[in-house]
Amino acid sequence: MRNIALLLAYDGTDFIGSQWQNQGRSVQGALEEAWEALTQEQKRITLSGRTDAGVHAYGQVASIRSTTRHPPSTIVRGLNARLPEDLRVQDACEVTPDFHARHSAIRRDYRYLIDASIVPLPALRHMVLHVEGRLDLAHMAEALQILEGTHDFAAFTVQSPDQKRTVRTMHSARLTEIELLGRRLIALEVAANAFLQHMVRVIVGTVLLVGRGRMTVSAFQQVLERGERKAAGPTAAAHGLTLMAVHYPPGLVRWESRQA
């Protein structure tokens, strides 16, 4: 029995999310169908974490235990030949038997893109949130820095029986700018050991209140400290969010053709 890790990229626009569900088109479901077509194995594939409907990924990781004899390069080619165009396996490698795509991960990196231009660019409509009006980027960046470190992020998630512990360690939270299709975009980049459900999107929605002058930086800090969801901002739209990378202890995952 081998343990195989897969590096995935997908456009989340037409998926109901990454996780398999009874109805709808999921990343996990499409991947498992392609795996069965390639190997004739019916297997449950494990993902490093869930992404909501509409959320994209450049660096999602999956793992699967298999008796297939296909080398990693054949697995990549074979799966991509059977997958839909909005889902691709970027790389594959064999990992140790105790590797688990989710439980072995030590850090996840997300990016949320915002366009504050007067007129939105149609080509970016599925991956960028358009926000009308000026934003105070300095205050937004200051608010984000408050999130760095180990905190209880209860204010930035939904109440769910599946989330019994809401303490997370935010390694970095910053605001940068990137250029895409000739448009200067605001990029909110966060990295943590793990994220709660809707956590990044609620952070974005709350930071945007700061940027619009509807919440002060000190009030933002109070939201974090109080831990009450009703004090935070709205949940930002899913389509602006992308899972950029999942990190593991050094040497645990060695991609053949690129770095994770």
C-alpha atoms as a PDB file:
ATOM      1  CA  MET A   1       0.000   0.000   0.000  1.00  0.00           C
ATOM      2  CA  ARG A   2       1.434   3.359  -1.092  1.00  0.00           C
ATOM      3  CA  ASN A   3       0.580   6.814   0.191  1.00  0.00           C
ATOM      4  CA  ILE A   4       0.350   9.404  -2.600  1.00  0.00           C
ATOM      5  CA  ALA A   5       0.200  13.189  -2.207  1.00  0.00           C
ATOM      6  CA  LEU A   6      -1.367  15.339  -4.918  1.00  0.00           C
ATOM      7  CA  LEU A   7      -0.924  19.079  -5.468  1.00  0.00           C
ATOM      8  CA  LEU A   8      -4.167  20.578  -6.807  1.00  0.00           C
ATOM      9  CA  ALA A   9      -5.283  23.798  -8.475  1.00  0.00           C
ATOM     10  CA  TYR A  10      -8.876  24.661  -9.290  1.00  0.00           C
ATOM     11  CA  ASP A  11     -11.280  27.394 -10.250  1.00  0.00           C
ATOM     12  CA  GLY A  12     -13.979  27.148  -7.602  1.00  0.00           C
ATOM     13  CA  THR A  13     -16.642  29.045  -9.555  1.00  0.00           C
ATOM     14  CA  ASP A  14     -18.683  26.014 -10.579  1.00  0.00           C
ATOM     15  CA  PHE A  15     -17.941  23.766  -7.598  1.00  0.00           C
ATOM     16  CA  ILE A  16     -20.167  23.495  -4.522  1.00  0.00           C
ATOM     17  CA  GLY A  17     -16.938  23.391  -2.532  1.00  0.00           C
ATOM     18  CA  SER A  18     -13.948  21.130  -2.146  1.00  0.00           C
ATOM     19  CA  GLN A  19     -15.659  18.573   0.087  1.00  0.00           C
ATOM     20  CA  TRP A  20     -17.863  15.773  -1.291  1.00  0.00           C
ATOM     21  CA  GLN A  21     -21.584  16.301  -0.707  1.00  0.00           C
ATOM     22  CA  ASN A  22     -24.698  14.298  -1.517  1.00  0.00           C
ATOM     23  CA  GLN A  23     -25.680  16.688  -4.281  1.00  0.00           C
ATOM     24  CA  GLY A  24     -23.645  18.976  -6.465  1.00  0.00           C
ATOM     25  CA  ARG A  25     -20.269  19.048  -8.114  1.00  0.00           C
ATOM     26  CA  SER A  26     -17.326  18.989  -5.678  1.00  0.00           C
ATOM     27  CA  VAL A  27     -13.553  18.990  -6.111  1.00  0.00           C
ATOM     28  CA  GLN A  28     -13.228  15.815  -4.071  1.00  0.00           C
ATOM     29  CA  GLY A  29     -15.950  14.069  -6.061  1.00  0.00           C
ATOM     30  CA  ALA A  30     -14.386  14.947  -9.426  1.00  0.00           C
ATOM     31  CA  LEU A  31     -10.965  13.836  -8.232  1.00  0.00           C
ATOM     32  CA  GLU A  32     -12.243  10.515  -6.897  1.00  0.00           C
ATOM     33  CA  GLU A  33     -14.049   9.805 -10.169  1.00  0.00           C
ATOM     34  CA  ALA A  34     -10.851  10.467 -12.131  1.00  0.00           C
ATOM     35  CA  TRP A  35      -8.834   8.282  -9.748  1.00  0.00           C
ATOM     36  CA  GLU A  36     -11.233   5.367 -10.215  1.00  0.00           C
ATOM     37  CA  ALA A  37     -11.110   5.771 -13.996  1.00  0.00           C
ATOM     38  CA  LEU A  38      -7.300   5.711 -13.910  1.00  0.00           C
ATOM     39  CA  THR A  39      -6.680   2.962 -11.341  1.00  0.00           C
ATOM     40  CA  GLN A  40     -10.014   1.094 -11.078  1.00  0.00           C
ATOM     41  CA  GLU A  41      -9.884   1.798  -7.332  1.00  0.00           C
ATOM     42  CA  GLN A  42     -12.785   3.286  -5.417  1.00  0.00           C
ATOM     43  CA  LYS A  43     -11.000   5.414  -2.847  1.00  0.00           C
ATOM     44  CA  ARG A  44     -11.825   8.265  -0.475  1.00  0.00           C
ATOM     45  CA  ILE A  45      -9.337  11.086  -1.056  1.00  0.00           C
ATOM     46  CA  THR A  46      -8.343  13.330   1.864  1.00  0.00           C
ATOM     47  CA  LEU A  47      -7.924  17.090   1.351  1.00  0.00           C
ATOM     48  CA  SER A  48      -5.774  19.406   3.462  1.00  0.00           C
ATOM     49  CA  GLY A  49      -8.847  21.480   4.279  1.00  0.00           C
ATOM     50  CA  ARG A  50     -12.235  22.567   3.041  1.00  0.00           C
ATOM     51  CA  THR A  51     -12.840  25.451   0.684  1.00  0.00           C
ATOM     52  CA  ASP A  52     -16.323  26.895   0.235  1.00  0.00           C
ATOM     53  CA  ALA A  53     -18.305  27.124  -2.981  1.00  0.00           C
ATOM     54  CA  GLY A  54     -16.649  29.693  -5.236  1.00  0.00           C
ATOM     55  CA  VAL A  55     -13.270  29.643  -3.454  1.00  0.00           C
ATOM     56  CA  HIS A  56     -10.254  28.878  -5.640  1.00  0.00           C
ATOM     57  CA  ALA A  57      -6.972  27.077  -4.995  1.00  0.00           C
ATOM     58  CA  TYR A  58      -3.446  27.147  -6.385  1.00  0.00           C
ATOM     59  CA  GLY A  59      -1.930  24.963  -3.676  1.00  0.00           C
ATOM     60  CA  GLN A  60      -4.524  22.562  -2.291  1.00  0.00           C
ATOM     61  CA  VAL A  61      -3.067  19.203  -1.221  1.00  0.00           C
ATOM     62  CA  ALA A  62      -4.717  15.786  -1.204  1.00  0.00           C
ATOM     63  CA  SER A  63      -3.541  12.365  -0.103  1.00  0.00           C
ATOM     64  CA  ILE A  64      -4.680   8.875  -1.001  1.00  0.00           C
ATOM     65  CA  ARG A  65      -3.638   5.336  -0.055  1.00  0.00           C
ATOM     66  CA  SER A  66      -3.408   3.101  -3.092  1.00  0.00           C
ATOM     67  CA  THR A  67      -1.990  -0.108  -4.510  1.00  0.00           C
ATOM     68  CA  THR A  68      -1.479   1.443  -7.940  1.00  0.00           C
ATOM     69  CA  ARG A  69       1.929   0.915  -9.523  1.00  0.00           C
ATOM     70  CA  HIS A  70       1.746   4.071 -11.619  1.00  0.00           C
ATOM     71  CA  PRO A  71       4.708   6.425 -11.022  1.00  0.00           C
ATOM     72  CA  PRO A  72       3.868   9.998  -9.951  1.00  0.00           C
ATOM     73  CA  SER A  73       4.400  11.401 -13.455  1.00  0.00           C
ATOM     74  CA  THR A  74       1.878   8.939 -14.895  1.00  0.00           C
ATOM     75  CA  ILE A  75      -0.590   9.738 -12.125  1.00  0.00           C
ATOM     76  CA  VAL A  76      -0.399  13.453 -12.985  1.00  0.00           C
ATOM     77  CA  ARG A  77      -0.887  12.875 -16.718  1.00  0.00           C
ATOM     78  CA  GLY A  78      -3.562  10.220 -16.239  1.00  0.00           C
ATOM     79  CA  LEU A  79      -5.672  12.209 -13.807  1.00  0.00           C
ATOM     80  CA  ASN A  80      -5.485  15.416 -15.825  1.00  0.00           C
ATOM     81  CA  ALA A  81      -6.644  13.547 -18.910  1.00  0.00           C
ATOM     82  CA  ARG A  82      -9.799  12.595 -16.983  1.00  0.00           C
ATOM     83  CA  LEU A  83     -10.446  15.720 -14.910  1.00  0.00           C
ATOM     84  CA  PRO A  84     -12.627  18.692 -15.932  1.00  0.00           C
ATOM     85  CA  GLU A  85     -10.866  21.803 -17.202  1.00  0.00           C
ATOM     86  CA  ASP A  86     -11.399  23.734 -13.954  1.00  0.00           C
ATOM     87  CA  LEU A  87      -9.463  21.183 -11.854  1.00  0.00           C
ATOM     88  CA  ARG A  88      -5.847  20.119 -12.360  1.00  0.00           C
ATOM     89  CA  VAL A  89      -3.247  18.004 -10.578  1.00  0.00           C
ATOM     90  CA  GLN A  90      -0.048  20.060 -10.672  1.00  0.00           C
ATOM     91  CA  ASP A  91       2.206  17.435  -9.119  1.00  0.00           C
ATOM     92  CA  ALA A  92       2.289  14.137  -7.258  1.00  0.00           C
ATOM     93  CA  CYS A  93       4.748  12.335  -5.021  1.00  0.00           C
ATOM     94  CA  GLU A  94       4.958   9.326  -2.764  1.00  0.00           C
ATOM     95  CA  VAL A  95       4.970  10.162   0.954  1.00  0.00           C
ATOM     96  CA  THR A  96       5.491   8.242   4.190  1.00  0.00           C
ATOM     97  CA  PRO A  97       2.683   5.970   5.431  1.00  0.00           C
ATOM     98  CA  ASP A  98       1.832   8.326   8.309  1.00  0.00           C
ATOM     99  CA  PHE A  99       1.393  11.391   6.069  1.00  0.00           C
ATOM    100  CA  HIS A 100      -2.078  12.921   6.178  1.00  0.00           C
ATOM    101  CA  ALA A 101      -2.962  15.849   3.905  1.00  0.00           C
ATOM    102  CA  ARG A 102      -4.862  17.599   6.682  1.00  0.00           C
ATOM    103  CA  HIS A 103      -3.362  16.498   9.988  1.00  0.00           C
ATOM    104  CA  SER A 104       0.270  16.737   8.849  1.00  0.00           C
ATOM    105  CA  ALA A 105      -0.093  20.341   7.629  1.00  0.00           C
ATOM    106  CA  ILE A 106       1.508  23.048   9.779  1.00  0.00           C
ATOM    107  CA  ARG A 107       0.486  26.178   7.858  1.00  0.00           C
ATOM    108  CA  ARG A 108      -2.017  27.381   5.257  1.00  0.00           C
ATOM    109  CA  ASP A 109      -1.674  30.528   3.128  1.00  0.00           C
ATOM    110  CA  TYR A 110      -4.696  32.376   1.722  1.00  0.00           C
ATOM    111  CA  ARG A 111      -5.037  35.453  -0.477  1.00  0.00           C
ATOM    112  CA  TYR A 112      -8.112  37.628  -0.952  1.00  0.00           C
ATOM    113  CA  LEU A 113      -8.175  40.011  -3.928  1.00  0.00           C
ATOM    114  CA  ILE A 114     -10.017  43.345  -3.909  1.00  0.00           C
ATOM    115  CA  ASP A 115     -10.482  45.782  -6.783  1.00  0.00           C
ATOM    116  CA  ALA A 116     -11.201  49.344  -5.648  1.00  0.00           C
ATOM    117  CA  SER A 117     -11.296  50.794  -9.171  1.00  0.00           C
ATOM    118  CA  ILE A 118     -14.304  52.824 -10.278  1.00  0.00           C
ATOM    119  CA  VAL A 119     -15.314  50.264 -12.905  1.00  0.00           C
ATOM    120  CA  PRO A 120     -14.773  46.508 -12.408  1.00  0.00           C
ATOM    121  CA  LEU A 121     -12.974  44.437 -15.033  1.00  0.00           C
ATOM    122  CA  PRO A 122     -15.298  41.690 -16.340  1.00  0.00           C
ATOM    123  CA  ALA A 123     -12.436  39.220 -16.858  1.00  0.00           C
ATOM    124  CA  LEU A 124     -11.738  39.308 -13.108  1.00  0.00           C
ATOM    125  CA  ARG A 125     -15.321  38.941 -11.926  1.00  0.00           C
ATOM    126  CA  HIS A 126     -14.875  35.340 -10.714  1.00  0.00           C
ATOM    127  CA  MET A 127     -11.711  35.951  -8.690  1.00  0.00           C
ATOM    128  CA  VAL A 128     -11.770  39.529  -7.410  1.00  0.00           C
ATOM    129  CA  LEU A 129     -14.199  41.397  -5.148  1.00  0.00           C
ATOM    130  CA  HIS A 130     -15.035  44.820  -6.571  1.00  0.00           C
ATOM    131  CA  VAL A 131     -15.461  47.484  -3.888  1.00  0.00           C
ATOM    132  CA  GLU A 132     -16.727  50.950  -4.765  1.00  0.00           C
ATOM    133  CA  GLY A 133     -15.185  53.980  -3.117  1.00  0.00           C
ATOM    134  CA  ARG A 134     -11.815  54.747  -1.598  1.00  0.00           C
ATOM    135  CA  LEU A 135     -10.292  52.525   1.058  1.00  0.00           C
ATOM    136  CA  ASP A 136      -7.905  53.581   3.818  1.00  0.00           C
ATOM    137  CA  LEU A 137      -5.192  51.003   3.150  1.00  0.00           C
ATOM    138  CA  ALA A 138      -2.960  52.176   6.002  1.00  0.00           C
ATOM    139  CA  HIS A 139      -5.674  51.576   8.591  1.00  0.00           C
ATOM    140  CA  MET A 140      -6.580  48.233   7.007  1.00  0.00           C
ATOM    141  CA  ALA A 141      -2.950  47.105   7.227  1.00  0.00           C
ATOM    142  CA  GLU A 142      -2.773  48.277  10.851  1.00  0.00           C
ATOM    143  CA  ALA A 143      -5.886  46.297  11.728  1.00  0.00           C
ATOM    144  CA  LEU A 144      -4.520  43.163  10.084  1.00  0.00           C
ATOM    145  CA  GLN A 145      -1.335  43.302  12.168  1.00  0.00           C
ATOM    146  CA  ILE A 146      -3.475  42.979  15.307  1.00  0.00           C
ATOM    147  CA  LEU A 147      -4.395  39.461  14.191  1.00  0.00           C
ATOM    148  CA  GLU A 148      -0.818  38.174  14.185  1.00  0.00           C
ATOM    149  CA  GLY A 149       0.018  35.782  16.998  1.00  0.00           C
ATOM    150  CA  THR A 150      -2.099  33.243  18.876  1.00  0.00           C
ATOM    151  CA  HIS A 151      -5.662  34.411  19.538  1.00  0.00           C
ATOM    152  CA  ASP A 152      -9.207  33.180  19.989  1.00  0.00           C
ATOM    153  CA  PHE A 153     -10.789  33.920  16.595  1.00  0.00           C
ATOM    154  CA  ALA A 154     -14.368  33.157  17.684  1.00  0.00           C
ATOM    155  CA  ALA A 155     -15.528  36.547  16.380  1.00  0.00           C
ATOM    156  CA  PHE A 156     -14.419  35.661  12.865  1.00  0.00           C
ATOM    157  CA  THR A 157     -16.216  32.373  12.332  1.00  0.00           C
ATOM    158  CA  VAL A 158     -19.640  30.762  12.395  1.00  0.00           C
ATOM    159  CA  GLN A 159     -20.980  28.971  15.438  1.00  0.00           C
ATOM    160  CA  SER A 160     -20.814  25.260  14.737  1.00  0.00           C
ATOM    161  CA  PRO A 161     -20.668  22.098  16.873  1.00  0.00           C
ATOM    162  CA  ASP A 162     -17.804  20.944  14.648  1.00  0.00           C
ATOM    163  CA  GLN A 163     -15.651  23.867  15.865  1.00  0.00           C
ATOM    164  CA  LYS A 164     -15.066  23.193  19.541  1.00  0.00           C
ATOM    165  CA  ARG A 165     -11.810  25.146  19.715  1.00  0.00           C
ATOM    166  CA  THR A 166     -11.435  28.545  18.072  1.00  0.00           C
ATOM    167  CA  VAL A 167      -7.847  29.406  19.043  1.00  0.00           C
ATOM    168  CA  ARG A 168      -5.497  29.692  16.077  1.00  0.00           C
ATOM    169  CA  THR A 169      -1.988  31.029  15.442  1.00  0.00           C
ATOM    170  CA  MET A 170      -1.798  33.676  12.740  1.00  0.00           C
ATOM    171  CA  HIS A 171       1.740  33.652  11.370  1.00  0.00           C
ATOM    172  CA  SER A 172       1.260  36.714   9.199  1.00  0.00           C
ATOM    173  CA  ALA A 173      -1.522  39.062   8.112  1.00  0.00           C
ATOM    174  CA  ARG A 174      -0.676  41.820   5.673  1.00  0.00           C
ATOM    175  CA  LEU A 175      -1.896  44.000   2.863  1.00  0.00           C
ATOM    176  CA  THR A 176      -0.036  44.157  -0.436  1.00  0.00           C
ATOM    177  CA  GLU A 177      -0.757  45.188  -4.016  1.00  0.00           C
ATOM    178  CA  ILE A 178      -0.437  43.064  -7.127  1.00  0.00           C
ATOM    179  CA  GLU A 179      -0.963  43.758 -10.818  1.00  0.00           C
ATOM    180  CA  LEU A 180      -3.283  41.521 -12.804  1.00  0.00           C
ATOM    181  CA  LEU A 181      -4.433  42.175 -16.377  1.00  0.00           C
ATOM    182  CA  GLY A 182      -3.132  45.713 -16.046  1.00  0.00           C
ATOM    183  CA  ARG A 183      -5.221  46.386 -12.940  1.00  0.00           C
ATOM    184  CA  ARG A 184      -3.704  47.231  -9.532  1.00  0.00           C
ATOM    185  CA  LEU A 185      -5.410  45.006  -6.982  1.00  0.00           C
ATOM    186  CA  ILE A 186      -5.373  44.982  -3.191  1.00  0.00           C
ATOM    187  CA  ALA A 187      -4.245  41.625  -1.847  1.00  0.00           C
ATOM    188  CA  LEU A 188      -5.068  40.641   1.705  1.00  0.00           C
ATOM    189  CA  GLU A 189      -2.685  37.797   2.572  1.00  0.00           C
ATOM    190  CA  VAL A 190      -2.986  35.682   5.708  1.00  0.00           C
ATOM    191  CA  ALA A 191      -1.114  32.603   6.900  1.00  0.00           C
ATOM    192  CA  ALA A 192      -2.013  30.515   9.949  1.00  0.00           C
ATOM    193  CA  ASN A 193      -1.571  27.041  11.341  1.00  0.00           C
ATOM    194  CA  ALA A 194      -5.231  26.431  10.479  1.00  0.00           C
ATOM    195  CA  PHE A 195      -8.369  28.418   9.706  1.00  0.00           C
ATOM    196  CA  LEU A 196     -11.913  28.259  11.029  1.00  0.00           C
ATOM    197  CA  GLN A 197     -14.983  28.081   8.822  1.00  0.00           C
ATOM    198  CA  HIS A 198     -15.434  31.372   6.919  1.00  0.00           C
ATOM    199  CA  MET A 199     -12.602  32.867   9.001  1.00  0.00           C
ATOM    200  CA  VAL A 200     -10.743  34.609   6.186  1.00  0.00           C
ATOM    201  CA  ARG A 201     -13.927  35.926   4.611  1.00  0.00           C
ATOM    202  CA  VAL A 202     -15.185  37.405   7.900  1.00  0.00           C
ATOM    203  CA  ILE A 203     -11.772  38.984   8.498  1.00  0.00           C
ATOM    204  CA  VAL A 204     -11.981  40.559   5.036  1.00  0.00           C
ATOM    205  CA  GLY A 205     -15.511  41.818   5.650  1.00  0.00           C
ATOM    206  CA  THR A 206     -14.447  43.388   8.951  1.00  0.00           C
ATOM    207  CA  VAL A 207     -11.228  44.899   7.607  1.00  0.00           C
ATOM    208  CA  LEU A 208     -13.252  46.491   4.807  1.00  0.00           C
ATOM    209  CA  LEU A 209     -15.331  48.273   7.459  1.00  0.00           C
ATOM    210  CA  VAL A 210     -12.061  49.744   8.719  1.00  0.00           C
ATOM    211  CA  GLY A 211     -11.051  50.714   5.191  1.00  0.00           C
ATOM    212  CA  ARG A 212     -14.369  52.490   4.618  1.00  0.00           C
ATOM    213  CA  GLY A 213     -14.113  54.405   7.888  1.00  0.00           C
ATOM    214  CA  ARG A 214     -17.034  52.572   9.486  1.00  0.00           C
ATOM    215  CA  MET A 215     -14.874  50.935  12.160  1.00  0.00           C
ATOM    216  CA  THR A 216     -11.748  52.211  13.909  1.00  0.00           C
ATOM    217  CA  VAL A 217      -8.605  50.140  14.346  1.00  0.00           C
ATOM    218  CA  SER A 218      -9.153  50.090  18.110  1.00  0.00           C
ATOM    219  CA  ALA A 219     -12.731  48.873  17.578  1.00  0.00           C
ATOM    220  CA  PHE A 220     -11.360  46.123  15.330  1.00  0.00           C
ATOM    221  CA  GLN A 221      -9.096  45.021  18.169  1.00  0.00           C
ATOM    222  CA  GLN A 222     -12.071  44.962  20.520  1.00  0.00           C
ATOM    223  CA  VAL A 223     -13.913  42.687  18.106  1.00  0.00           C
ATOM    224  CA  LEU A 224     -11.045  40.199  18.323  1.00  0.00           C
ATOM    225  CA  GLU A 225     -10.858  40.437  22.105  1.00  0.00           C
ATOM    226  CA  ARG A 226     -14.614  40.152  22.713  1.00  0.00           C
ATOM    227  CA  GLY A 227     -14.973  37.098  20.510  1.00  0.00           C
ATOM    228  CA  GLU A 228     -18.555  37.832  19.456  1.00  0.00           C
ATOM    229  CA  ARG A 229     -19.481  37.153  15.825  1.00  0.00           C
ATOM    230  CA  LYS A 230     -22.178  39.837  15.807  1.00  0.00           C
ATOM    231  CA  ALA A 231     -19.536  42.500  16.511  1.00  0.00           C
ATOM    232  CA  ALA A 232     -17.535  41.617  13.395  1.00  0.00           C
ATOM    233  CA  GLY A 233     -18.314  42.602   9.815  1.00  0.00           C
ATOM    234  CA  PRO A 234     -20.172  40.671   7.115  1.00  0.00           C
ATOM    235  CA  THR A 235     -18.794  37.571   5.447  1.00  0.00           C
ATOM    236  CA  ALA A 236     -17.073  38.679   2.234  1.00  0.00           C
ATOM    237  CA  ALA A 237     -17.976  36.987  -1.040  1.00  0.00           C
ATOM    238  CA  ALA A 238     -16.256  33.645  -1.649  1.00  0.00           C
ATOM    239  CA  HIS A 239     -14.974  34.315  -5.165  1.00  0.00           C
ATOM    240  CA  GLY A 240     -12.216  36.701  -4.045  1.00  0.00           C
ATOM    241  CA  LEU A 241     -10.508  34.009  -1.970  1.00  0.00           C
ATOM    242  CA  THR A 242      -7.757  31.601  -3.047  1.00  0.00           C
ATOM    243  CA  LEU A 243      -5.900  28.928  -1.095  1.00  0.00           C
ATOM    244  CA  MET A 244      -2.337  29.680  -2.160  1.00  0.00           C
ATOM    245  CA  ALA A 245      -0.285  27.006  -0.375  1.00  0.00           C
ATOM    246  CA  VAL A 246      -0.268  24.328   2.299  1.00  0.00           C
ATOM    247  CA  HIS A 247       2.990  23.767   4.177  1.00  0.00           C
ATOM    248  CA  TYR A 248       4.369  20.634   5.845  1.00  0.00           C
ATOM    249  CA  PRO A 249       7.441  19.893   7.974  1.00  0.00           C
ATOM    250  CA  PRO A 250      10.658  20.038   5.900  1.00  0.00           C
ATOM    251  CA  GLY A 251      11.275  16.942   3.812  1.00  0.00           C
ATOM    252  CA  LEU A 252       7.831  15.444   4.343  1.00  0.00           C
ATOM    253  CA  VAL A 253       6.554  16.311   0.856  1.00  0.00           C
ATOM    254  CA  ARG A 254       8.940  16.472  -2.092  1.00  0.00           C
ATOM    255  CA  TRP A 255       7.190  17.539  -5.286  1.00  0.00           C
ATOM    256  CA  GLU A 256       9.003  16.303  -8.355  1.00  0.00           C
ATOM    257  CA  SER A 257       8.409  19.122 -10.811  1.00  0.00           C
ATOM    258  CA  ARG A 258       7.832  22.190  -8.621  1.00  0.00           C
ATOM    259  CA  GLN A 259       7.947  23.469  -5.066  1.00  0.00           C
ATOM    260  CA  ALA A 260       4.751  23.658  -2.964  1.00  0.00           C
END
